[in-house]
Amino acid sequence: MTTSATITPAPIAAEPADSQSFLLTRVQPALSGLMDGSLSTLAPIFAVALATHRPLTAFFTGAATALGAGVSMAFSEGLSDTGDLTGRGSPVLRGAITGGGTFLGGIFHTLPFLIPGYGAAIAAAIAVVASELVILAWLRRRFFRTSFARSFLAIAAGRAIIAALSSALGIAAGG
């Protein structure tokens, strides 16, 4: 006589369920927001800085962009799914985490434009952008076990494209 037994599949990853849940519901939305904010806000900030040579104008542009991107990403992530089918957790919490990460990712390289001198503000902003590259690559390495070098190069490539486009627009607008 044969009996059919129910076989429960083993978890795909070797991580405990709580760890996977934490990565899926907290870390991934935060990292997604940080990466989006740090990339999407570069173009307007640097285009305005290069066009006007007025750091405070670039600061207000960056602050408005970081705020707008943060709110946009919060709603976008929060409305993308309820979390019931995907297991991604509360849409409100996930949206808040993603939106907050997006704002933080955009505001960090905006703050140097509070420095009144144009050259000093640009230099400080470039240093912050470089630091962000290292931090984002480290976070990807730490939480998602991706290669630091691969993450660094991928994020740097995105930033290089954005920098080239925003520089060209800023220089064109500045005449």
N, C-alpha and C. Protein backbone atom coordinates (compact mmCIF):
# COMPACT_ATOMS: atom_id res chain seq x y z
N MET A 1 0.84 -1.16 0.00
CA MET A 1 0.00 0.00 0.00
C MET A 1 0.90 1.24 0.00
N THR A 2 0.62 2.13 -0.88
CA THR A 2 1.41 3.36 -0.96
C THR A 2 0.60 4.52 -0.42
N THR A 3 1.28 5.40 0.21
CA THR A 3 0.64 6.61 0.71
C THR A 3 1.31 7.81 0.09
N SER A 4 0.53 8.79 -0.13
CA SER A 4 1.12 10.02 -0.69
C SER A 4 1.41 10.97 0.46
N ALA A 5 2.63 11.41 0.50
CA ALA A 5 3.04 12.33 1.56
C ALA A 5 3.16 13.73 0.96
N THR A 6 2.81 14.68 1.73
CA THR A 6 2.97 16.06 1.30
C THR A 6 4.41 16.46 1.55
N ILE A 7 5.04 16.92 0.52
CA ILE A 7 6.44 17.34 0.64
C ILE A 7 6.48 18.86 0.65
N THR A 8 7.03 19.38 1.69
CA THR A 8 7.18 20.82 1.80
C THR A 8 8.53 21.21 1.23
N PRO A 9 8.53 22.08 0.22
CA PRO A 9 9.82 22.46 -0.36
C PRO A 9 10.66 23.26 0.63
N ALA A 10 11.93 23.07 0.53
CA ALA A 10 12.86 23.83 1.37
C ALA A 10 12.89 25.27 0.89
N PRO A 11 13.18 26.20 1.78
CA PRO A 11 13.30 27.59 1.35
C PRO A 11 14.37 27.71 0.27
N ILE A 12 14.14 28.61 -0.67
CA ILE A 12 15.07 28.79 -1.79
C ILE A 12 16.43 29.24 -1.30
N ALA A 13 16.45 30.18 -0.42
CA ALA A 13 17.72 30.69 0.09
C ALA A 13 18.00 30.06 1.45
N ALA A 14 19.23 30.15 1.87
CA ALA A 14 19.61 29.58 3.15
C ALA A 14 19.33 30.53 4.31
N GLU A 15 18.71 31.64 4.02
CA GLU A 15 18.41 32.64 5.05
C GLU A 15 17.15 32.25 5.81
N PRO A 16 17.06 32.60 7.07
CA PRO A 16 15.81 32.38 7.80
C PRO A 16 14.71 33.25 7.19
N ALA A 17 13.47 32.81 7.36
CA ALA A 17 12.34 33.54 6.80
C ALA A 17 12.30 34.99 7.28
N ASP A 18 12.61 35.23 8.56
CA ASP A 18 12.58 36.59 9.09
C ASP A 18 13.61 37.47 8.40
N SER A 19 14.76 36.93 8.12
CA SER A 19 15.81 37.68 7.44
C SER A 19 15.39 38.02 6.02
N GLN A 20 14.80 37.05 5.32
CA GLN A 20 14.32 37.30 3.97
C GLN A 20 13.22 38.35 3.97
N SER A 21 12.33 38.26 4.93
CA SER A 21 11.24 39.22 5.04
C SER A 21 11.79 40.62 5.29
N PHE A 22 12.77 40.72 6.17
CA PHE A 22 13.39 42.01 6.47
C PHE A 22 14.03 42.60 5.20
N LEU A 23 14.73 41.76 4.44
CA LEU A 23 15.35 42.23 3.20
C LEU A 23 14.29 42.70 2.21
N LEU A 24 13.21 41.94 2.09
CA LEU A 24 12.18 42.23 1.11
C LEU A 24 11.33 43.43 1.48
N THR A 25 11.03 43.57 2.76
CA THR A 25 10.09 44.61 3.18
C THR A 25 10.74 45.89 3.69
N ARG A 26 12.01 45.84 4.05
CA ARG A 26 12.67 47.02 4.60
C ARG A 26 13.91 47.44 3.80
N VAL A 27 14.85 46.51 3.66
CA VAL A 27 16.14 46.86 3.04
C VAL A 27 15.97 47.17 1.56
N GLN A 28 15.27 46.31 0.83
CA GLN A 28 15.12 46.53 -0.61
C GLN A 28 14.42 47.86 -0.91
N PRO A 29 13.29 48.19 -0.25
CA PRO A 29 12.68 49.49 -0.51
C PRO A 29 13.60 50.67 -0.15
N ALA A 30 14.34 50.53 0.95
CA ALA A 30 15.25 51.62 1.35
C ALA A 30 16.37 51.78 0.34
N LEU A 31 16.96 50.68 -0.07
CA LEU A 31 18.06 50.76 -1.04
C LEU A 31 17.57 51.24 -2.39
N SER A 32 16.41 50.80 -2.79
CA SER A 32 15.82 51.27 -4.05
C SER A 32 15.62 52.79 -4.00
N GLY A 33 15.11 53.27 -2.89
CA GLY A 33 14.91 54.71 -2.73
C GLY A 33 16.21 55.47 -2.72
N LEU A 34 17.19 54.98 -1.96
CA LEU A 34 18.50 55.66 -1.91
C LEU A 34 19.13 55.74 -3.30
N MET A 35 19.06 54.64 -4.04
CA MET A 35 19.66 54.62 -5.37
C MET A 35 18.90 55.54 -6.32
N ASP A 36 17.58 55.49 -6.28
CA ASP A 36 16.80 56.36 -7.15
C ASP A 36 17.04 57.82 -6.83
N GLY A 37 17.00 58.16 -5.56
CA GLY A 37 17.21 59.55 -5.16
C GLY A 37 18.59 60.06 -5.50
N SER A 38 19.58 59.20 -5.31
CA SER A 38 20.95 59.64 -5.58
C SER A 38 21.20 59.78 -7.08
N LEU A 39 20.46 59.07 -7.90
CA LEU A 39 20.64 59.18 -9.36
C LEU A 39 19.71 60.22 -9.98
N SER A 40 18.43 60.18 -9.64
CA SER A 40 17.46 61.02 -10.34
C SER A 40 17.61 62.50 -10.04
N THR A 41 18.20 62.85 -8.93
CA THR A 41 18.32 64.27 -8.59
C THR A 41 19.61 64.91 -9.11
N LEU A 42 20.54 64.10 -9.58
CA LEU A 42 21.81 64.66 -10.06
C LEU A 42 21.62 65.63 -11.23
N ALA A 43 20.83 65.22 -12.21
CA ALA A 43 20.69 66.03 -13.42
C ALA A 43 20.17 67.44 -13.15
N PRO A 44 19.05 67.59 -12.46
CA PRO A 44 18.58 68.97 -12.26
C PRO A 44 19.52 69.81 -11.40
N ILE A 45 20.10 69.21 -10.37
CA ILE A 45 20.99 69.97 -9.49
C ILE A 45 22.20 70.48 -10.26
N PHE A 46 22.89 69.57 -10.93
CA PHE A 46 24.12 69.97 -11.62
C PHE A 46 23.84 70.80 -12.86
N ALA A 47 22.73 70.56 -13.55
CA ALA A 47 22.38 71.39 -14.70
C ALA A 47 22.16 72.84 -14.25
N VAL A 48 21.43 73.02 -13.17
CA VAL A 48 21.17 74.37 -12.66
C VAL A 48 22.45 75.01 -12.14
N ALA A 49 23.26 74.23 -11.42
CA ALA A 49 24.51 74.78 -10.89
C ALA A 49 25.42 75.24 -12.03
N LEU A 50 25.55 74.43 -13.07
CA LEU A 50 26.42 74.79 -14.20
C LEU A 50 25.84 75.92 -15.03
N ALA A 51 24.52 76.00 -15.12
CA ALA A 51 23.89 77.06 -15.92
C ALA A 51 23.94 78.41 -15.22
N THR A 52 23.75 78.40 -13.90
CA THR A 52 23.62 79.68 -13.19
C THR A 52 24.86 80.09 -12.41
N HIS A 53 25.69 79.15 -12.04
CA HIS A 53 26.84 79.39 -11.16
C HIS A 53 26.38 79.99 -9.83
N ARG A 54 25.15 79.67 -9.45
CA ARG A 54 24.58 80.16 -8.19
C ARG A 54 24.26 78.97 -7.29
N PRO A 55 25.12 78.69 -6.32
CA PRO A 55 24.92 77.52 -5.46
C PRO A 55 23.57 77.48 -4.76
N LEU A 56 23.08 78.62 -4.28
CA LEU A 56 21.81 78.60 -3.55
C LEU A 56 20.65 78.23 -4.48
N THR A 57 20.71 78.66 -5.73
CA THR A 57 19.68 78.26 -6.70
C THR A 57 19.75 76.75 -6.92
N ALA A 58 20.96 76.21 -7.02
CA ALA A 58 21.12 74.77 -7.18
C ALA A 58 20.61 74.05 -5.93
N PHE A 59 20.84 74.61 -4.75
CA PHE A 59 20.34 74.00 -3.52
C PHE A 59 18.82 73.90 -3.54
N PHE A 60 18.14 75.00 -3.85
CA PHE A 60 16.68 74.97 -3.88
C PHE A 60 16.15 74.02 -4.96
N THR A 61 16.84 73.96 -6.07
CA THR A 61 16.47 73.00 -7.13
C THR A 61 16.62 71.58 -6.61
N GLY A 62 17.74 71.31 -5.97
CA GLY A 62 17.98 69.98 -5.42
C GLY A 62 17.01 69.61 -4.33
N ALA A 63 16.71 70.55 -3.45
CA ALA A 63 15.77 70.27 -2.36
C ALA A 63 14.37 69.99 -2.91
N ALA A 64 13.95 70.80 -3.88
CA ALA A 64 12.64 70.58 -4.50
C ALA A 64 12.60 69.23 -5.23
N THR A 65 13.68 68.91 -5.91
CA THR A 65 13.75 67.64 -6.64
C THR A 65 13.75 66.47 -5.67
N ALA A 66 14.51 66.55 -4.59
CA ALA A 66 14.55 65.47 -3.61
C ALA A 66 13.18 65.27 -2.96
N LEU A 67 12.52 66.37 -2.63
CA LEU A 67 11.18 66.28 -2.04
C LEU A 67 10.19 65.67 -3.03
N GLY A 68 10.20 66.20 -4.26
CA GLY A 68 9.28 65.69 -5.27
C GLY A 68 9.52 64.23 -5.59
N ALA A 69 10.78 63.86 -5.72
CA ALA A 69 11.12 62.46 -6.02
C ALA A 69 10.73 61.56 -4.85
N GLY A 70 10.94 62.03 -3.62
CA GLY A 70 10.58 61.24 -2.44
C GLY A 70 9.09 60.98 -2.36
N VAL A 71 8.30 62.01 -2.57
CA VAL A 71 6.84 61.84 -2.55
C VAL A 71 6.39 60.94 -3.69
N SER A 72 6.94 61.18 -4.87
CA SER A 72 6.58 60.36 -6.04
C SER A 72 6.89 58.89 -5.81
N MET A 73 8.09 58.61 -5.31
CA MET A 73 8.48 57.22 -5.07
C MET A 73 7.65 56.59 -3.93
N ALA A 74 7.30 57.38 -2.93
CA ALA A 74 6.48 56.86 -1.84
C ALA A 74 5.13 56.40 -2.38
N PHE A 75 4.49 57.24 -3.18
CA PHE A 75 3.20 56.86 -3.75
C PHE A 75 3.35 55.71 -4.74
N SER A 76 4.36 55.78 -5.58
CA SER A 76 4.57 54.75 -6.58
C SER A 76 4.78 53.38 -5.93
N GLU A 77 5.65 53.32 -4.95
CA GLU A 77 5.92 52.05 -4.27
C GLU A 77 4.73 51.60 -3.45
N GLY A 78 4.09 52.54 -2.76
CA GLY A 78 2.96 52.19 -1.92
C GLY A 78 1.76 51.70 -2.71
N LEU A 79 1.62 52.19 -3.94
CA LEU A 79 0.48 51.80 -4.76
C LEU A 79 0.82 50.66 -5.72
N SER A 80 2.08 50.21 -5.74
CA SER A 80 2.48 49.19 -6.72
C SER A 80 1.85 47.83 -6.44
N ASP A 81 1.65 47.50 -5.18
CA ASP A 81 0.92 46.28 -4.82
C ASP A 81 0.55 46.34 -3.36
N THR A 82 -0.40 45.52 -2.99
CA THR A 82 -0.88 45.52 -1.60
C THR A 82 0.06 44.78 -0.67
N GLY A 83 0.94 43.97 -1.24
CA GLY A 83 1.84 43.15 -0.44
C GLY A 83 1.25 41.79 -0.11
N ASP A 84 -0.03 41.61 -0.34
CA ASP A 84 -0.68 40.33 -0.03
C ASP A 84 -0.16 39.20 -0.90
N LEU A 85 -0.06 39.43 -2.18
CA LEU A 85 0.39 38.38 -3.10
C LEU A 85 1.90 38.24 -3.15
N THR A 86 2.60 39.34 -3.00
CA THR A 86 4.05 39.31 -3.16
C THR A 86 4.80 39.10 -1.86
N GLY A 87 4.14 39.31 -0.73
CA GLY A 87 4.80 39.17 0.56
C GLY A 87 5.74 40.33 0.86
N ARG A 88 5.52 41.46 0.20
CA ARG A 88 6.42 42.59 0.35
C ARG A 88 6.03 43.50 1.51
N GLY A 89 5.03 43.13 2.28
CA GLY A 89 4.69 43.90 3.47
C GLY A 89 3.70 45.01 3.21
N SER A 90 3.48 45.79 4.24
CA SER A 90 2.52 46.89 4.20
C SER A 90 2.89 47.90 3.13
N PRO A 91 1.96 48.24 2.23
CA PRO A 91 2.28 49.21 1.19
C PRO A 91 2.56 50.61 1.76
N VAL A 92 1.92 50.95 2.84
CA VAL A 92 2.15 52.27 3.44
C VAL A 92 3.57 52.35 4.01
N LEU A 93 3.96 51.32 4.75
CA LEU A 93 5.31 51.31 5.32
C LEU A 93 6.37 51.23 4.23
N ARG A 94 6.13 50.36 3.25
CA ARG A 94 7.08 50.21 2.14
C ARG A 94 7.20 51.52 1.36
N GLY A 95 6.08 52.19 1.13
CA GLY A 95 6.10 53.48 0.44
C GLY A 95 6.85 54.54 1.23
N ALA A 96 6.63 54.54 2.55
CA ALA A 96 7.32 55.52 3.40
C ALA A 96 8.83 55.26 3.40
N ILE A 97 9.21 54.00 3.45
CA ILE A 97 10.64 53.66 3.45
C ILE A 97 11.27 54.06 2.12
N THR A 98 10.62 53.72 1.02
CA THR A 98 11.15 54.04 -0.30
C THR A 98 11.20 55.56 -0.51
N GLY A 99 10.14 56.24 -0.15
CA GLY A 99 10.10 57.70 -0.29
C GLY A 99 11.14 58.39 0.57
N GLY A 100 11.29 57.91 1.80
CA GLY A 100 12.31 58.49 2.68
C GLY A 100 13.71 58.25 2.15
N GLY A 101 13.95 57.03 1.65
CA GLY A 101 15.25 56.72 1.06
C GLY A 101 15.53 57.58 -0.16
N THR A 102 14.51 57.79 -0.98
CA THR A 102 14.67 58.62 -2.18
C THR A 102 15.02 60.06 -1.79
N PHE A 103 14.31 60.59 -0.80
CA PHE A 103 14.62 61.94 -0.34
C PHE A 103 16.05 62.03 0.18
N LEU A 104 16.43 61.08 1.03
CA LEU A 104 17.79 61.10 1.58
C LEU A 104 18.84 60.97 0.48
N GLY A 105 18.58 60.08 -0.48
CA GLY A 105 19.52 59.91 -1.59
C GLY A 105 19.69 61.17 -2.41
N GLY A 106 18.65 62.00 -2.47
CA GLY A 106 18.73 63.24 -3.24
C GLY A 106 19.23 64.44 -2.46
N ILE A 107 18.99 64.44 -1.17
CA ILE A 107 19.34 65.64 -0.40
C ILE A 107 20.82 65.69 -0.02
N PHE A 108 21.46 64.51 0.11
CA PHE A 108 22.86 64.52 0.55
C PHE A 108 23.76 65.31 -0.39
N HIS A 109 23.65 65.10 -1.71
CA HIS A 109 24.52 65.85 -2.62
C HIS A 109 23.94 67.21 -2.97
N THR A 110 22.82 67.56 -2.37
CA THR A 110 22.25 68.90 -2.50
C THR A 110 22.82 69.83 -1.43
N LEU A 111 23.07 69.30 -0.24
CA LEU A 111 23.53 70.11 0.89
C LEU A 111 24.80 70.92 0.62
N PRO A 112 25.77 70.40 -0.15
CA PRO A 112 26.96 71.21 -0.40
C PRO A 112 26.67 72.54 -1.10
N PHE A 113 25.52 72.64 -1.75
CA PHE A 113 25.19 73.89 -2.44
C PHE A 113 24.71 74.98 -1.47
N LEU A 114 24.75 74.67 -0.18
CA LEU A 114 24.57 75.72 0.82
C LEU A 114 25.87 76.50 1.02
N ILE A 115 26.97 75.98 0.50
CA ILE A 115 28.25 76.69 0.53
C ILE A 115 28.15 77.83 -0.49
N PRO A 116 28.41 79.05 -0.08
CA PRO A 116 28.20 80.19 -0.99
C PRO A 116 29.12 80.22 -2.22
N GLY A 117 30.33 79.75 -2.10
CA GLY A 117 31.25 79.81 -3.24
C GLY A 117 30.95 78.71 -4.25
N TYR A 118 30.83 79.08 -5.52
CA TYR A 118 30.49 78.13 -6.59
C TYR A 118 31.49 76.98 -6.67
N GLY A 119 32.76 77.29 -6.76
CA GLY A 119 33.79 76.24 -6.90
C GLY A 119 33.82 75.30 -5.71
N ALA A 120 33.74 75.86 -4.52
CA ALA A 120 33.75 75.03 -3.31
C ALA A 120 32.49 74.16 -3.23
N ALA A 121 31.36 74.71 -3.62
CA ALA A 121 30.10 73.95 -3.59
C ALA A 121 30.15 72.78 -4.57
N ILE A 122 30.64 73.04 -5.78
CA ILE A 122 30.75 71.97 -6.79
C ILE A 122 31.72 70.89 -6.31
N ALA A 123 32.86 71.30 -5.78
CA ALA A 123 33.86 70.34 -5.31
C ALA A 123 33.29 69.48 -4.17
N ALA A 124 32.61 70.12 -3.24
CA ALA A 124 32.03 69.37 -2.12
C ALA A 124 30.93 68.43 -2.61
N ALA A 125 30.12 68.88 -3.56
CA ALA A 125 29.05 68.03 -4.09
C ALA A 125 29.63 66.82 -4.82
N ILE A 126 30.70 67.02 -5.56
CA ILE A 126 31.35 65.90 -6.25
C ILE A 126 31.91 64.90 -5.24
N ALA A 127 32.48 65.41 -4.15
CA ALA A 127 32.99 64.52 -3.10
C ALA A 127 31.85 63.72 -2.46
N VAL A 128 30.71 64.37 -2.24
CA VAL A 128 29.56 63.66 -1.67
C VAL A 128 29.05 62.60 -2.64
N VAL A 129 28.97 62.94 -3.92
CA VAL A 129 28.53 61.98 -4.93
C VAL A 129 29.47 60.76 -4.95
N ALA A 130 30.76 60.99 -4.87
CA ALA A 130 31.73 59.89 -4.84
C ALA A 130 31.52 59.03 -3.58
N SER A 131 31.27 59.67 -2.46
CA SER A 131 31.02 58.94 -1.21
C SER A 131 29.74 58.11 -1.32
N GLU A 132 28.73 58.68 -1.95
CA GLU A 132 27.48 57.95 -2.14
C GLU A 132 27.70 56.69 -2.97
N LEU A 133 28.54 56.78 -3.98
CA LEU A 133 28.85 55.61 -4.80
C LEU A 133 29.39 54.47 -3.94
N VAL A 134 30.35 54.81 -3.09
CA VAL A 134 30.96 53.80 -2.24
C VAL A 134 29.95 53.24 -1.25
N ILE A 135 29.15 54.09 -0.66
CA ILE A 135 28.16 53.64 0.33
C ILE A 135 27.12 52.74 -0.32
N LEU A 136 26.60 53.13 -1.48
CA LEU A 136 25.59 52.31 -2.15
C LEU A 136 26.16 50.94 -2.56
N ALA A 137 27.37 50.94 -3.08
CA ALA A 137 28.01 49.67 -3.45
C ALA A 137 28.22 48.80 -2.21
N TRP A 138 28.63 49.41 -1.10
CA TRP A 138 28.82 48.66 0.14
C TRP A 138 27.49 48.09 0.65
N LEU A 139 26.41 48.89 0.59
CA LEU A 139 25.11 48.42 1.05
C LEU A 139 24.63 47.22 0.21
N ARG A 140 24.82 47.31 -1.10
CA ARG A 140 24.46 46.19 -1.96
C ARG A 140 25.29 44.95 -1.61
N ARG A 141 26.56 45.16 -1.33
CA ARG A 141 27.45 44.06 -0.95
C ARG A 141 27.00 43.47 0.39
N ARG A 142 26.72 44.31 1.32
CA ARG A 142 26.37 43.90 2.69
C ARG A 142 25.05 43.13 2.74
N PHE A 143 24.02 43.67 2.09
CA PHE A 143 22.69 43.07 2.24
C PHE A 143 22.31 42.08 1.15
N PHE A 144 22.88 42.26 -0.05
CA PHE A 144 22.48 41.39 -1.16
C PHE A 144 23.62 40.55 -1.71
N ARG A 145 24.76 40.61 -1.04
CA ARG A 145 25.92 39.79 -1.41
C ARG A 145 26.32 39.95 -2.88
N THR A 146 26.16 41.14 -3.39
CA THR A 146 26.61 41.40 -4.76
C THR A 146 28.07 41.84 -4.71
N SER A 147 28.73 41.72 -5.79
CA SER A 147 30.12 42.14 -5.88
C SER A 147 30.21 43.65 -5.67
N PHE A 148 31.10 44.06 -4.77
CA PHE A 148 31.29 45.50 -4.54
C PHE A 148 31.70 46.17 -5.84
N ALA A 149 32.65 45.59 -6.55
CA ALA A 149 33.16 46.19 -7.79
C ALA A 149 32.06 46.29 -8.84
N ARG A 150 31.28 45.24 -9.00
CA ARG A 150 30.20 45.26 -9.99
C ARG A 150 29.15 46.31 -9.63
N SER A 151 28.77 46.39 -8.37
CA SER A 151 27.80 47.39 -7.93
C SER A 151 28.35 48.79 -8.14
N PHE A 152 29.61 48.98 -7.74
CA PHE A 152 30.24 50.29 -7.88
C PHE A 152 30.25 50.71 -9.35
N LEU A 153 30.65 49.82 -10.22
CA LEU A 153 30.72 50.14 -11.66
C LEU A 153 29.35 50.41 -12.25
N ALA A 154 28.35 49.63 -11.87
CA ALA A 154 27.00 49.83 -12.39
C ALA A 154 26.44 51.18 -11.95
N ILE A 155 26.60 51.51 -10.68
CA ILE A 155 26.10 52.78 -10.18
C ILE A 155 26.90 53.93 -10.78
N ALA A 156 28.20 53.76 -10.90
CA ALA A 156 29.05 54.80 -11.50
C ALA A 156 28.68 55.03 -12.96
N ALA A 157 28.34 53.98 -13.69
CA ALA A 157 27.94 54.13 -15.09
C ALA A 157 26.67 54.96 -15.20
N GLY A 158 25.71 54.66 -14.35
CA GLY A 158 24.47 55.45 -14.33
C GLY A 158 24.74 56.91 -14.02
N ARG A 159 25.58 57.14 -13.05
CA ARG A 159 25.91 58.52 -12.68
C ARG A 159 26.69 59.22 -13.78
N ALA A 160 27.57 58.51 -14.47
CA ALA A 160 28.34 59.12 -15.56
C ALA A 160 27.41 59.55 -16.69
N ILE A 161 26.45 58.72 -17.01
CA ILE A 161 25.48 59.08 -18.06
C ILE A 161 24.70 60.32 -17.64
N ILE A 162 24.21 60.32 -16.42
CA ILE A 162 23.45 61.46 -15.91
C ILE A 162 24.32 62.71 -15.86
N ALA A 163 25.56 62.57 -15.40
CA ALA A 163 26.47 63.73 -15.31
C ALA A 163 26.73 64.31 -16.70
N ALA A 164 26.94 63.46 -17.67
CA ALA A 164 27.21 63.94 -19.02
C ALA A 164 26.00 64.69 -19.58
N LEU A 165 24.82 64.12 -19.41
CA LEU A 165 23.61 64.78 -19.91
C LEU A 165 23.33 66.09 -19.20
N SER A 166 23.43 66.07 -17.87
CA SER A 166 23.13 67.29 -17.12
C SER A 166 24.19 68.37 -17.36
N SER A 167 25.43 67.98 -17.50
CA SER A 167 26.49 68.95 -17.80
C SER A 167 26.23 69.60 -19.14
N ALA A 168 25.90 68.80 -20.14
CA ALA A 168 25.63 69.35 -21.47
C ALA A 168 24.44 70.32 -21.43
N LEU A 169 23.39 69.95 -20.72
CA LEU A 169 22.23 70.83 -20.61
C LEU A 169 22.57 72.10 -19.84
N GLY A 170 23.30 71.93 -18.75
CA GLY A 170 23.67 73.10 -17.94
C GLY A 170 24.56 74.07 -18.69
N ILE A 171 25.52 73.54 -19.40
CA ILE A 171 26.43 74.40 -20.17
C ILE A 171 25.65 75.07 -21.32
N ALA A 172 24.77 74.31 -21.97
CA ALA A 172 23.96 74.90 -23.04
C ALA A 172 23.06 76.00 -22.52
N ALA A 173 22.46 75.79 -21.36
CA ALA A 173 21.57 76.79 -20.78
C ALA A 173 22.32 78.01 -20.31
N GLY A 174 23.56 77.82 -19.87
CA GLY A 174 24.35 78.94 -19.36
C GLY A 174 24.94 79.78 -20.48
N GLY A 175 24.90 79.27 -21.68
CA GLY A 175 25.40 80.03 -22.84
C GLY A 175 26.85 80.00 -22.89
